[in-house]
């Protein structure tokens, strides 16, 4: 049951000027594709081949003998999720139930934004910033390298890739500038709301 590289849910130029066509081509067609190919090669013909990628991630998390497999599985999944977290003309503020939940759990949208930006900016090296549902409460968290909230029993609602390959062609070493534009202009709040409703 090979895991397929999904097409981007928008055109390569759709996120400009915030994320360039060049970045999406490298990030999706090279980086993401490589994780998917390495994952499929690693599970082919094994007992993990019949499991979903989410099941594989949860099953092997923390197993030091399967670190390479975990990294490629989680990065394949993380990137598929990340593409959906953005949309052309995104950003702004959430509405309805999601807005109420953010208000209740963070004290307001501005407090969520501050926490989310801080998580992305302070993740040393490579990793991800997340909005998750932990039990019945929204939380902002960050993970190192390929790790993701699925391994902690949390439900991912939103992620922002802070590996350098996500922003370096457009922002060089100015990660905070990428984070500002991501929050202001790219977040797909409809997708985040769907994830909350389904949780």
N, C-alpha and C. Protein backbone atom coordinates (compact mmCIF):
# COMPACT_ATOMS: atom_id res chain seq x y z
N UNK A 1 0.86 -1.19 0.00
CA UNK A 1 0.00 0.00 0.00
C UNK A 1 0.89 1.24 0.00
N UNK A 2 1.41 1.59 -1.15
CA UNK A 2 2.35 2.71 -1.24
C UNK A 2 1.67 4.02 -0.88
N UNK A 3 2.42 4.88 -0.21
CA UNK A 3 1.94 6.22 0.14
C UNK A 3 2.26 7.14 -1.03
N UNK A 4 1.26 7.76 -1.58
CA UNK A 4 1.46 8.57 -2.78
C UNK A 4 1.78 10.02 -2.43
N UNK A 5 2.69 10.60 -3.20
CA UNK A 5 2.97 12.02 -3.06
C UNK A 5 1.74 12.77 -3.57
N UNK A 6 1.08 13.55 -2.71
CA UNK A 6 -0.10 14.28 -3.18
C UNK A 6 0.32 15.48 -4.02
N UNK A 7 -0.52 15.84 -4.96
CA UNK A 7 -0.30 17.09 -5.67
C UNK A 7 -0.54 18.25 -4.71
N UNK A 8 0.09 19.38 -4.97
CA UNK A 8 -0.23 20.56 -4.17
C UNK A 8 -1.69 20.92 -4.38
N UNK A 9 -2.37 21.42 -3.34
CA UNK A 9 -3.79 21.78 -3.50
C UNK A 9 -4.00 23.13 -4.17
N UNK A 10 -2.94 23.68 -4.76
CA UNK A 10 -3.00 24.96 -5.46
C UNK A 10 -1.86 25.00 -6.46
N UNK A 11 -1.87 25.98 -7.35
CA UNK A 11 -0.82 26.14 -8.35
C UNK A 11 0.49 26.57 -7.69
N UNK A 12 1.60 26.30 -8.36
CA UNK A 12 2.91 26.65 -7.81
C UNK A 12 3.09 28.16 -7.58
N UNK A 13 2.34 28.96 -8.29
CA UNK A 13 2.46 30.42 -8.12
C UNK A 13 1.39 30.98 -7.18
N UNK A 14 0.53 30.14 -6.65
CA UNK A 14 -0.65 30.62 -5.93
C UNK A 14 -0.35 31.30 -4.60
N UNK A 15 0.79 31.00 -4.00
CA UNK A 15 1.10 31.57 -2.70
C UNK A 15 2.05 32.77 -2.79
N UNK A 16 2.38 33.16 -4.02
CA UNK A 16 3.23 34.34 -4.18
C UNK A 16 2.47 35.60 -3.78
N UNK A 17 3.14 36.63 -3.24
CA UNK A 17 4.59 36.77 -3.09
C UNK A 17 5.16 36.19 -1.80
N UNK A 18 4.34 35.51 -1.02
CA UNK A 18 4.77 35.08 0.32
C UNK A 18 5.62 33.82 0.26
N UNK A 19 5.26 32.89 -0.62
CA UNK A 19 6.09 31.71 -0.90
C UNK A 19 6.17 31.59 -2.41
N UNK A 20 7.39 31.54 -2.91
CA UNK A 20 7.61 31.59 -4.36
C UNK A 20 7.38 30.24 -5.03
N UNK A 21 7.20 30.32 -6.35
CA UNK A 21 7.12 29.12 -7.17
C UNK A 21 8.37 28.26 -6.98
N UNK A 22 9.54 28.89 -6.94
CA UNK A 22 10.80 28.14 -6.77
C UNK A 22 10.82 27.36 -5.47
N UNK A 23 10.36 27.99 -4.39
CA UNK A 23 10.33 27.30 -3.10
C UNK A 23 9.39 26.11 -3.15
N UNK A 24 8.20 26.29 -3.71
CA UNK A 24 7.25 25.18 -3.76
C UNK A 24 7.76 24.05 -4.64
N UNK A 25 8.41 24.40 -5.74
CA UNK A 25 8.95 23.35 -6.62
C UNK A 25 10.03 22.54 -5.90
N UNK A 26 10.95 23.21 -5.25
CA UNK A 26 11.99 22.50 -4.51
C UNK A 26 11.40 21.73 -3.33
N UNK A 27 10.54 22.41 -2.57
CA UNK A 27 10.04 21.85 -1.32
C UNK A 27 9.14 20.64 -1.58
N UNK A 28 8.22 20.77 -2.52
CA UNK A 28 7.28 19.69 -2.81
C UNK A 28 7.90 18.62 -3.71
N UNK A 29 8.46 19.06 -4.84
CA UNK A 29 8.89 18.10 -5.87
C UNK A 29 10.20 17.39 -5.51
N UNK A 30 11.02 18.01 -4.68
CA UNK A 30 12.30 17.41 -4.30
C UNK A 30 12.26 16.87 -2.87
N UNK A 31 12.09 17.77 -1.90
CA UNK A 31 12.15 17.35 -0.48
C UNK A 31 11.02 16.38 -0.13
N UNK A 32 9.77 16.81 -0.35
CA UNK A 32 8.64 15.95 0.01
C UNK A 32 8.67 14.65 -0.77
N UNK A 33 8.95 14.73 -2.06
CA UNK A 33 8.99 13.52 -2.89
C UNK A 33 10.05 12.54 -2.38
N UNK A 34 11.18 13.06 -1.93
CA UNK A 34 12.24 12.18 -1.44
C UNK A 34 11.81 11.45 -0.18
N UNK A 35 11.12 12.15 0.74
CA UNK A 35 10.63 11.48 1.95
C UNK A 35 9.65 10.36 1.59
N UNK A 36 8.74 10.65 0.66
CA UNK A 36 7.74 9.66 0.26
C UNK A 36 8.42 8.45 -0.38
N UNK A 37 9.36 8.68 -1.27
CA UNK A 37 10.05 7.57 -1.95
C UNK A 37 10.85 6.71 -0.97
N UNK A 38 11.56 7.36 -0.07
CA UNK A 38 12.35 6.61 0.91
C UNK A 38 11.45 5.82 1.86
N UNK A 39 10.34 6.41 2.25
CA UNK A 39 9.38 5.69 3.11
C UNK A 39 8.84 4.46 2.39
N UNK A 40 8.39 4.63 1.16
CA UNK A 40 7.84 3.50 0.42
C UNK A 40 8.86 2.39 0.21
N UNK A 41 10.10 2.78 -0.10
CA UNK A 41 11.16 1.79 -0.28
C UNK A 41 11.42 1.02 1.01
N UNK A 42 11.34 1.71 2.14
CA UNK A 42 11.66 1.09 3.44
C UNK A 42 10.59 0.11 3.91
N UNK A 43 9.33 0.39 3.60
CA UNK A 43 8.26 -0.50 4.11
C UNK A 43 7.87 -1.58 3.11
N UNK A 44 8.29 -1.45 1.88
CA UNK A 44 7.90 -2.42 0.85
C UNK A 44 8.31 -3.83 1.24
N UNK A 45 7.33 -4.72 1.22
CA UNK A 45 7.59 -6.11 1.52
C UNK A 45 7.71 -6.42 3.01
N UNK A 46 7.46 -5.44 3.89
CA UNK A 46 7.51 -5.68 5.33
C UNK A 46 6.10 -5.74 5.88
N UNK A 47 5.99 -6.07 7.18
CA UNK A 47 4.67 -6.15 7.81
C UNK A 47 4.01 -4.76 7.93
N UNK A 48 4.82 -3.70 7.77
CA UNK A 48 4.28 -2.34 7.87
C UNK A 48 3.63 -1.88 6.56
N UNK A 49 3.87 -2.64 5.49
CA UNK A 49 3.40 -2.22 4.17
C UNK A 49 1.88 -2.12 4.10
N UNK A 50 1.18 -2.90 4.90
CA UNK A 50 -0.29 -2.90 4.84
C UNK A 50 -0.92 -1.86 5.77
N UNK A 51 -0.10 -1.20 6.57
CA UNK A 51 -0.62 -0.22 7.53
C UNK A 51 -0.65 1.18 6.92
N UNK A 52 -1.55 2.02 7.44
CA UNK A 52 -1.56 3.42 7.01
C UNK A 52 -0.31 4.10 7.54
N UNK A 53 0.05 5.21 6.92
CA UNK A 53 1.26 5.91 7.35
C UNK A 53 1.12 6.43 8.78
N UNK A 54 -0.11 6.81 9.17
CA UNK A 54 -0.34 7.26 10.55
C UNK A 54 -0.10 6.12 11.54
N UNK A 55 -0.56 4.92 11.18
CA UNK A 55 -0.33 3.76 12.05
C UNK A 55 1.15 3.45 12.17
N UNK A 56 1.88 3.56 11.07
CA UNK A 56 3.32 3.30 11.09
C UNK A 56 4.02 4.30 12.00
N UNK A 57 3.69 5.58 11.85
CA UNK A 57 4.31 6.63 12.66
C UNK A 57 4.12 6.34 14.15
N UNK A 58 2.89 6.02 14.53
CA UNK A 58 2.60 5.76 15.95
C UNK A 58 3.28 4.49 16.44
N UNK A 59 3.34 3.48 15.57
CA UNK A 59 3.89 2.18 15.97
C UNK A 59 5.40 2.22 16.20
N UNK A 60 6.12 3.04 15.44
CA UNK A 60 7.59 2.99 15.52
C UNK A 60 8.20 4.19 16.24
N UNK A 61 7.38 5.14 16.67
CA UNK A 61 7.90 6.32 17.37
C UNK A 61 8.70 5.89 18.60
N UNK A 62 9.88 6.43 18.75
CA UNK A 62 10.72 6.11 19.90
C UNK A 62 11.56 4.87 19.77
N UNK A 63 11.39 4.11 18.67
CA UNK A 63 12.18 2.91 18.43
C UNK A 63 13.47 3.33 17.73
N UNK A 64 14.57 3.33 18.46
CA UNK A 64 15.83 3.83 17.90
C UNK A 64 16.32 3.01 16.72
N UNK A 65 15.86 1.76 16.62
CA UNK A 65 16.28 0.94 15.48
C UNK A 65 15.54 1.30 14.20
N UNK A 66 14.50 2.14 14.34
CA UNK A 66 13.69 2.52 13.17
C UNK A 66 13.67 4.04 12.97
N UNK A 67 14.70 4.72 13.44
CA UNK A 67 14.74 6.18 13.36
C UNK A 67 14.65 6.68 11.91
N UNK A 68 15.38 6.05 11.01
CA UNK A 68 15.35 6.46 9.61
C UNK A 68 13.97 6.31 9.00
N UNK A 69 13.33 5.20 9.27
CA UNK A 69 11.98 4.97 8.77
C UNK A 69 11.01 5.99 9.36
N UNK A 70 11.12 6.22 10.67
CA UNK A 70 10.24 7.18 11.32
C UNK A 70 10.40 8.56 10.69
N UNK A 71 11.65 8.99 10.49
CA UNK A 71 11.89 10.32 9.95
C UNK A 71 11.24 10.50 8.58
N UNK A 72 11.37 9.50 7.72
CA UNK A 72 10.79 9.61 6.39
C UNK A 72 9.26 9.50 6.42
N UNK A 73 8.72 8.63 7.27
CA UNK A 73 7.26 8.52 7.40
C UNK A 73 6.67 9.81 7.93
N UNK A 74 7.23 10.31 9.02
CA UNK A 74 6.68 11.51 9.65
C UNK A 74 6.84 12.73 8.74
N UNK A 75 7.98 12.84 8.06
CA UNK A 75 8.17 13.97 7.17
C UNK A 75 7.23 13.89 5.96
N UNK A 76 6.98 12.71 5.46
CA UNK A 76 6.01 12.56 4.37
C UNK A 76 4.63 13.02 4.84
N UNK A 77 4.23 12.59 6.03
CA UNK A 77 2.91 12.97 6.57
C UNK A 77 2.86 14.47 6.90
N UNK A 78 3.90 14.97 7.57
CA UNK A 78 3.92 16.37 7.98
C UNK A 78 3.76 17.31 6.79
N UNK A 79 4.47 16.99 5.70
CA UNK A 79 4.40 17.87 4.54
C UNK A 79 3.03 17.82 3.86
N UNK A 80 2.45 16.65 3.76
CA UNK A 80 1.10 16.55 3.20
C UNK A 80 0.14 17.42 3.99
N UNK A 81 0.27 17.38 5.31
CA UNK A 81 -0.58 18.18 6.20
C UNK A 81 -0.29 19.68 6.02
N UNK A 82 0.99 20.02 5.94
CA UNK A 82 1.42 21.42 5.82
C UNK A 82 0.85 22.09 4.58
N UNK A 83 0.88 21.40 3.43
CA UNK A 83 0.36 22.03 2.20
C UNK A 83 -1.10 22.44 2.39
N UNK A 84 -1.85 21.63 3.11
CA UNK A 84 -3.27 21.93 3.30
C UNK A 84 -3.51 23.06 4.30
N UNK A 85 -2.49 23.34 5.11
CA UNK A 85 -2.61 24.41 6.11
C UNK A 85 -2.47 25.79 5.50
N UNK A 86 -2.17 25.86 4.20
CA UNK A 86 -2.02 27.14 3.51
C UNK A 86 -2.99 27.22 2.35
N UNK A 87 -3.34 28.44 1.99
CA UNK A 87 -4.17 28.66 0.80
C UNK A 87 -3.93 30.07 0.28
N UNK A 88 -4.19 30.30 -1.01
CA UNK A 88 -4.11 31.66 -1.54
C UNK A 88 -5.10 32.55 -0.79
N UNK A 89 -4.71 33.77 -0.52
CA UNK A 89 -5.56 34.71 0.22
C UNK A 89 -5.98 34.16 1.58
N UNK A 90 -5.05 33.45 2.21
CA UNK A 90 -5.31 32.91 3.54
C UNK A 90 -5.04 33.95 4.61
N UNK A 91 -4.81 33.45 5.81
CA UNK A 91 -4.56 34.33 6.94
C UNK A 91 -5.85 34.90 7.48
N UNK A 92 -5.76 36.10 8.05
CA UNK A 92 -6.93 36.68 8.67
C UNK A 92 -7.22 36.00 10.00
N UNK A 93 -8.49 35.95 10.35
CA UNK A 93 -8.88 35.35 11.62
C UNK A 93 -9.89 34.25 11.41
N UNK A 94 -9.88 33.24 12.28
CA UNK A 94 -10.88 32.17 12.18
C UNK A 94 -12.26 32.67 12.61
N UNK A 95 -13.26 31.87 12.33
CA UNK A 95 -14.64 32.24 12.67
C UNK A 95 -15.32 31.11 13.42
N UNK A 96 -16.53 31.35 13.84
CA UNK A 96 -17.44 30.39 14.46
C UNK A 96 -16.79 29.59 15.60
N UNK A 97 -16.96 28.27 15.57
CA UNK A 97 -16.53 27.45 16.71
C UNK A 97 -15.03 27.53 16.97
N UNK A 98 -14.24 27.56 15.90
CA UNK A 98 -12.79 27.65 16.06
C UNK A 98 -12.41 28.96 16.75
N UNK A 99 -13.03 30.05 16.34
CA UNK A 99 -12.74 31.35 16.96
C UNK A 99 -13.10 31.33 18.44
N UNK A 100 -14.24 30.75 18.77
CA UNK A 100 -14.66 30.66 20.17
C UNK A 100 -13.70 29.81 20.99
N UNK A 101 -13.25 28.72 20.40
CA UNK A 101 -12.34 27.80 21.11
C UNK A 101 -10.99 28.47 21.35
N UNK A 102 -10.48 29.20 20.36
CA UNK A 102 -9.22 29.93 20.54
C UNK A 102 -9.37 30.99 21.62
N UNK A 103 -10.48 31.69 21.60
CA UNK A 103 -10.75 32.71 22.63
C UNK A 103 -10.77 32.07 24.02
N UNK A 104 -11.45 30.93 24.13
CA UNK A 104 -11.59 30.26 25.43
C UNK A 104 -10.26 29.71 25.94
N UNK A 105 -9.48 29.11 25.04
CA UNK A 105 -8.27 28.39 25.49
C UNK A 105 -7.01 29.25 25.52
N UNK A 106 -6.98 30.33 24.75
CA UNK A 106 -5.79 31.19 24.73
C UNK A 106 -6.04 32.57 25.34
N UNK A 107 -7.33 32.91 25.52
CA UNK A 107 -7.66 34.23 26.02
C UNK A 107 -7.84 35.25 24.92
N UNK A 108 -7.70 34.83 23.67
CA UNK A 108 -7.90 35.71 22.53
C UNK A 108 -7.03 35.29 21.36
N UNK A 109 -7.39 35.77 20.16
CA UNK A 109 -6.65 35.41 18.96
C UNK A 109 -5.22 35.94 19.00
N UNK A 110 -5.05 37.15 19.50
CA UNK A 110 -3.71 37.75 19.56
C UNK A 110 -2.77 36.92 20.43
N UNK A 111 -3.31 36.36 21.49
CA UNK A 111 -2.49 35.52 22.38
C UNK A 111 -2.09 34.23 21.68
N UNK A 112 -3.02 33.67 20.88
CA UNK A 112 -2.67 32.48 20.09
C UNK A 112 -1.55 32.82 19.11
N UNK A 113 -1.71 33.93 18.38
CA UNK A 113 -0.71 34.33 17.38
C UNK A 113 0.66 34.48 18.02
N UNK A 114 0.70 35.13 19.17
CA UNK A 114 1.97 35.33 19.88
C UNK A 114 2.62 33.99 20.23
N UNK A 115 1.80 33.06 20.74
CA UNK A 115 2.33 31.75 21.14
C UNK A 115 2.79 30.95 19.92
N UNK A 116 2.03 31.02 18.83
CA UNK A 116 2.36 30.25 17.63
C UNK A 116 3.63 30.80 16.97
N UNK A 117 3.71 32.12 16.87
CA UNK A 117 4.92 32.72 16.30
C UNK A 117 6.14 32.41 17.15
N UNK A 118 5.96 32.47 18.46
CA UNK A 118 7.07 32.19 19.37
C UNK A 118 7.55 30.74 19.22
N UNK A 119 6.60 29.81 19.09
CA UNK A 119 6.97 28.40 18.92
C UNK A 119 7.81 28.22 17.65
N UNK A 120 7.41 28.87 16.57
CA UNK A 120 8.16 28.75 15.32
C UNK A 120 9.52 29.42 15.38
N UNK A 121 9.57 30.58 16.02
CA UNK A 121 10.82 31.34 16.06
C UNK A 121 11.85 30.73 17.00
N UNK A 122 11.39 30.06 18.06
CA UNK A 122 12.31 29.53 19.07
C UNK A 122 12.62 28.06 18.88
N UNK A 123 12.07 27.43 17.83
CA UNK A 123 12.44 26.04 17.54
C UNK A 123 13.86 26.04 17.01
N UNK A 124 14.79 25.58 17.83
CA UNK A 124 16.20 25.61 17.42
C UNK A 124 16.44 24.58 16.32
N UNK A 125 17.12 25.00 15.28
CA UNK A 125 17.39 24.09 14.17
C UNK A 125 16.13 23.84 13.37
N UNK A 126 15.90 22.59 13.02
CA UNK A 126 14.78 22.23 12.16
C UNK A 126 13.60 21.71 12.96
N UNK A 127 12.40 21.94 12.44
CA UNK A 127 11.23 21.42 13.13
C UNK A 127 9.94 22.08 12.65
N UNK A 128 8.95 22.03 13.53
CA UNK A 128 7.58 22.43 13.17
C UNK A 128 6.92 23.13 14.36
N UNK A 129 6.06 24.09 14.07
CA UNK A 129 5.17 24.68 15.07
C UNK A 129 3.77 24.16 14.79
N UNK A 130 3.02 23.89 15.86
CA UNK A 130 1.70 23.24 15.72
C UNK A 130 0.65 23.92 16.58
N UNK A 131 -0.58 23.90 16.09
CA UNK A 131 -1.77 24.09 16.93
C UNK A 131 -2.41 22.71 17.02
N UNK A 132 -2.60 22.24 18.25
CA UNK A 132 -3.13 20.89 18.46
C UNK A 132 -4.31 20.92 19.41
N UNK A 133 -5.09 19.86 19.36
CA UNK A 133 -6.11 19.61 20.37
C UNK A 133 -5.55 18.53 21.29
N UNK A 134 -5.35 18.90 22.55
CA UNK A 134 -4.79 17.98 23.55
C UNK A 134 -5.87 17.71 24.58
N UNK A 135 -6.49 16.53 24.48
CA UNK A 135 -7.69 16.29 25.29
C UNK A 135 -8.81 17.16 24.74
N UNK A 136 -9.31 18.07 25.56
CA UNK A 136 -10.36 18.98 25.08
C UNK A 136 -9.87 20.42 24.99
N UNK A 137 -8.54 20.60 25.00
CA UNK A 137 -7.98 21.95 25.05
C UNK A 137 -7.03 22.20 23.88
N UNK A 138 -7.13 23.38 23.30
CA UNK A 138 -6.18 23.78 22.26
C UNK A 138 -4.85 24.16 22.89
N UNK A 139 -3.76 23.76 22.25
CA UNK A 139 -2.42 24.12 22.71
C UNK A 139 -1.53 24.42 21.51
N UNK A 140 -0.54 25.26 21.73
CA UNK A 140 0.53 25.46 20.75
C UNK A 140 1.72 24.65 21.21
N UNK A 141 2.33 23.94 20.28
CA UNK A 141 3.50 23.14 20.62
C UNK A 141 4.49 23.22 19.46
N UNK A 142 5.67 22.68 19.66
CA UNK A 142 6.67 22.62 18.59
C UNK A 142 7.36 21.28 18.69
N UNK A 143 7.84 20.80 17.55
CA UNK A 143 8.52 19.51 17.52
C UNK A 143 9.84 19.66 16.76
N UNK A 144 10.78 18.83 17.12
CA UNK A 144 12.11 18.84 16.52
C UNK A 144 12.15 17.91 15.31
N UNK A 145 12.83 18.36 14.28
CA UNK A 145 13.06 17.54 13.08
C UNK A 145 11.76 16.99 12.51
N UNK A 146 11.58 15.66 12.51
CA UNK A 146 10.40 15.07 11.87
C UNK A 146 9.26 14.82 12.84
N UNK A 147 9.49 14.95 14.12
CA UNK A 147 8.49 14.54 15.10
C UNK A 147 7.19 15.31 14.91
N UNK A 148 6.08 14.68 15.31
CA UNK A 148 4.79 15.35 15.19
C UNK A 148 3.86 14.95 16.33
N UNK A 149 2.76 15.66 16.51
CA UNK A 149 1.89 15.44 17.66
C UNK A 149 1.17 14.09 17.67
N UNK A 150 1.13 13.38 16.54
CA UNK A 150 0.47 12.07 16.52
C UNK A 150 1.11 11.13 17.54
N UNK A 151 2.41 11.31 17.79
CA UNK A 151 3.12 10.40 18.70
C UNK A 151 2.83 10.72 20.16
N UNK A 152 2.17 11.86 20.42
CA UNK A 152 1.85 12.25 21.80
C UNK A 152 0.37 12.16 22.10
N UNK A 153 -0.39 11.57 21.19
CA UNK A 153 -1.83 11.45 21.40
C UNK A 153 -2.59 12.75 21.18
N UNK A 154 -1.92 13.73 20.57
CA UNK A 154 -2.58 15.00 20.29
C UNK A 154 -3.12 15.00 18.86
N UNK A 155 -4.12 15.84 18.60
CA UNK A 155 -4.71 15.94 17.27
C UNK A 155 -4.15 17.18 16.58
N UNK A 156 -3.37 17.03 15.51
CA UNK A 156 -2.85 18.20 14.80
C UNK A 156 -3.98 18.95 14.10
N UNK A 157 -4.00 20.27 14.27
CA UNK A 157 -4.99 21.11 13.60
C UNK A 157 -4.34 22.03 12.57
N UNK A 158 -3.12 22.47 12.85
CA UNK A 158 -2.40 23.43 12.00
C UNK A 158 -0.90 23.21 12.21
N UNK A 159 -0.13 23.31 11.15
CA UNK A 159 1.32 23.27 11.31
C UNK A 159 2.00 24.31 10.43
N UNK A 160 3.19 24.70 10.84
CA UNK A 160 4.06 25.59 10.07
C UNK A 160 5.44 24.96 10.06
N UNK A 161 5.94 24.71 8.86
CA UNK A 161 7.27 24.12 8.67
C UNK A 161 8.32 25.19 8.92
N UNK A 162 9.24 24.95 9.86
CA UNK A 162 10.31 25.92 10.08
C UNK A 162 11.69 25.33 9.75
N UNK A 163 11.72 24.23 8.98
CA UNK A 163 12.98 23.81 8.38
C UNK A 163 13.41 24.90 7.39
N UNK A 164 14.70 25.09 7.24
CA UNK A 164 15.16 26.16 6.35
C UNK A 164 14.68 26.00 4.92
N UNK A 165 14.51 24.77 4.45
CA UNK A 165 14.09 24.61 3.06
C UNK A 165 12.69 25.15 2.80
N UNK A 166 11.92 25.40 3.87
CA UNK A 166 10.57 25.94 3.72
C UNK A 166 10.57 27.43 3.36
N UNK A 167 11.67 28.12 3.69
CA UNK A 167 11.65 29.58 3.54
C UNK A 167 12.94 30.22 3.03
N UNK A 168 14.03 29.46 2.94
CA UNK A 168 15.33 30.09 2.73
C UNK A 168 15.46 30.80 1.37
N UNK A 169 14.90 30.24 0.32
CA UNK A 169 14.99 30.88 -0.99
C UNK A 169 14.30 32.24 -1.00
N UNK A 170 13.26 32.39 -0.18
CA UNK A 170 12.48 33.63 -0.16
C UNK A 170 12.91 34.60 0.94
N UNK A 171 13.35 34.08 2.06
CA UNK A 171 13.61 34.93 3.22
C UNK A 171 15.04 34.82 3.75
N UNK A 172 15.86 33.99 3.12
CA UNK A 172 17.21 33.71 3.62
C UNK A 172 17.12 33.29 5.11
N UNK A 173 17.88 33.96 5.98
CA UNK A 173 17.90 33.53 7.39
C UNK A 173 16.86 34.27 8.24
N UNK A 174 15.93 34.95 7.61
CA UNK A 174 14.93 35.75 8.37
C UNK A 174 13.69 34.90 8.64
N UNK A 175 13.84 33.90 9.47
CA UNK A 175 12.70 33.04 9.80
C UNK A 175 11.51 33.84 10.35
N UNK A 176 11.73 34.82 11.25
CA UNK A 176 10.57 35.58 11.77
C UNK A 176 9.75 36.27 10.68
N UNK A 177 10.38 36.69 9.59
CA UNK A 177 9.64 37.33 8.49
C UNK A 177 8.75 36.31 7.80
N UNK A 178 9.28 35.11 7.56
CA UNK A 178 8.46 34.02 7.00
C UNK A 178 7.28 33.71 7.91
N UNK A 179 7.52 33.64 9.21
CA UNK A 179 6.47 33.33 10.17
C UNK A 179 5.38 34.40 10.14
N UNK A 180 5.79 35.67 10.10
CA UNK A 180 4.82 36.77 10.05
C UNK A 180 3.92 36.65 8.82
N UNK A 181 4.52 36.38 7.66
CA UNK A 181 3.74 36.27 6.43
C UNK A 181 2.84 35.03 6.43
N UNK A 182 3.35 33.94 6.99
CA UNK A 182 2.56 32.71 7.08
C UNK A 182 1.27 32.97 7.86
N UNK A 183 1.41 33.59 9.01
CA UNK A 183 0.25 33.84 9.87
C UNK A 183 -0.69 34.86 9.24
N UNK A 184 -0.14 35.93 8.70
CA UNK A 184 -0.96 37.02 8.18
C UNK A 184 -1.64 36.70 6.85
N UNK A 185 -0.99 35.90 5.99
CA UNK A 185 -1.46 35.77 4.61
C UNK A 185 -1.68 34.35 4.09
N UNK A 186 -1.29 33.32 4.84
CA UNK A 186 -1.31 31.97 4.27
C UNK A 186 -2.17 30.96 5.00
N UNK A 187 -2.42 31.12 6.29
CA UNK A 187 -3.13 30.07 7.04
C UNK A 187 -4.50 29.79 6.43
N UNK A 188 -4.79 28.53 6.24
CA UNK A 188 -6.09 28.06 5.73
C UNK A 188 -6.97 27.73 6.93
N UNK A 189 -7.68 28.74 7.44
CA UNK A 189 -8.48 28.53 8.64
C UNK A 189 -9.64 27.57 8.41
N UNK A 190 -10.10 27.43 7.16
CA UNK A 190 -11.16 26.47 6.87
C UNK A 190 -10.68 25.05 7.14
N UNK A 191 -9.45 24.75 6.74
CA UNK A 191 -8.87 23.43 6.98
C UNK A 191 -8.69 23.18 8.48
N UNK A 192 -8.22 24.19 9.20
CA UNK A 192 -8.04 24.06 10.66
C UNK A 192 -9.39 23.79 11.32
N UNK A 193 -10.42 24.51 10.90
CA UNK A 193 -11.76 24.33 11.48
C UNK A 193 -12.30 22.93 11.19
N UNK A 194 -12.04 22.42 9.99
CA UNK A 194 -12.47 21.05 9.64
C UNK A 194 -11.78 20.03 10.55
N UNK A 195 -10.50 20.24 10.82
CA UNK A 195 -9.78 19.31 11.68
C UNK A 195 -10.34 19.33 13.10
N UNK A 196 -10.70 20.51 13.58
CA UNK A 196 -11.30 20.61 14.92
C UNK A 196 -12.65 19.92 14.97
N UNK A 197 -13.45 20.13 13.94
CA UNK A 197 -14.80 19.51 13.88
C UNK A 197 -14.71 17.98 13.85
N UNK A 198 -13.68 17.48 13.16
CA UNK A 198 -13.52 16.03 13.00
C UNK A 198 -12.88 15.36 14.21
N UNK A 199 -12.30 16.15 15.09
CA UNK A 199 -11.54 15.59 16.24
C UNK A 199 -12.46 14.93 17.26
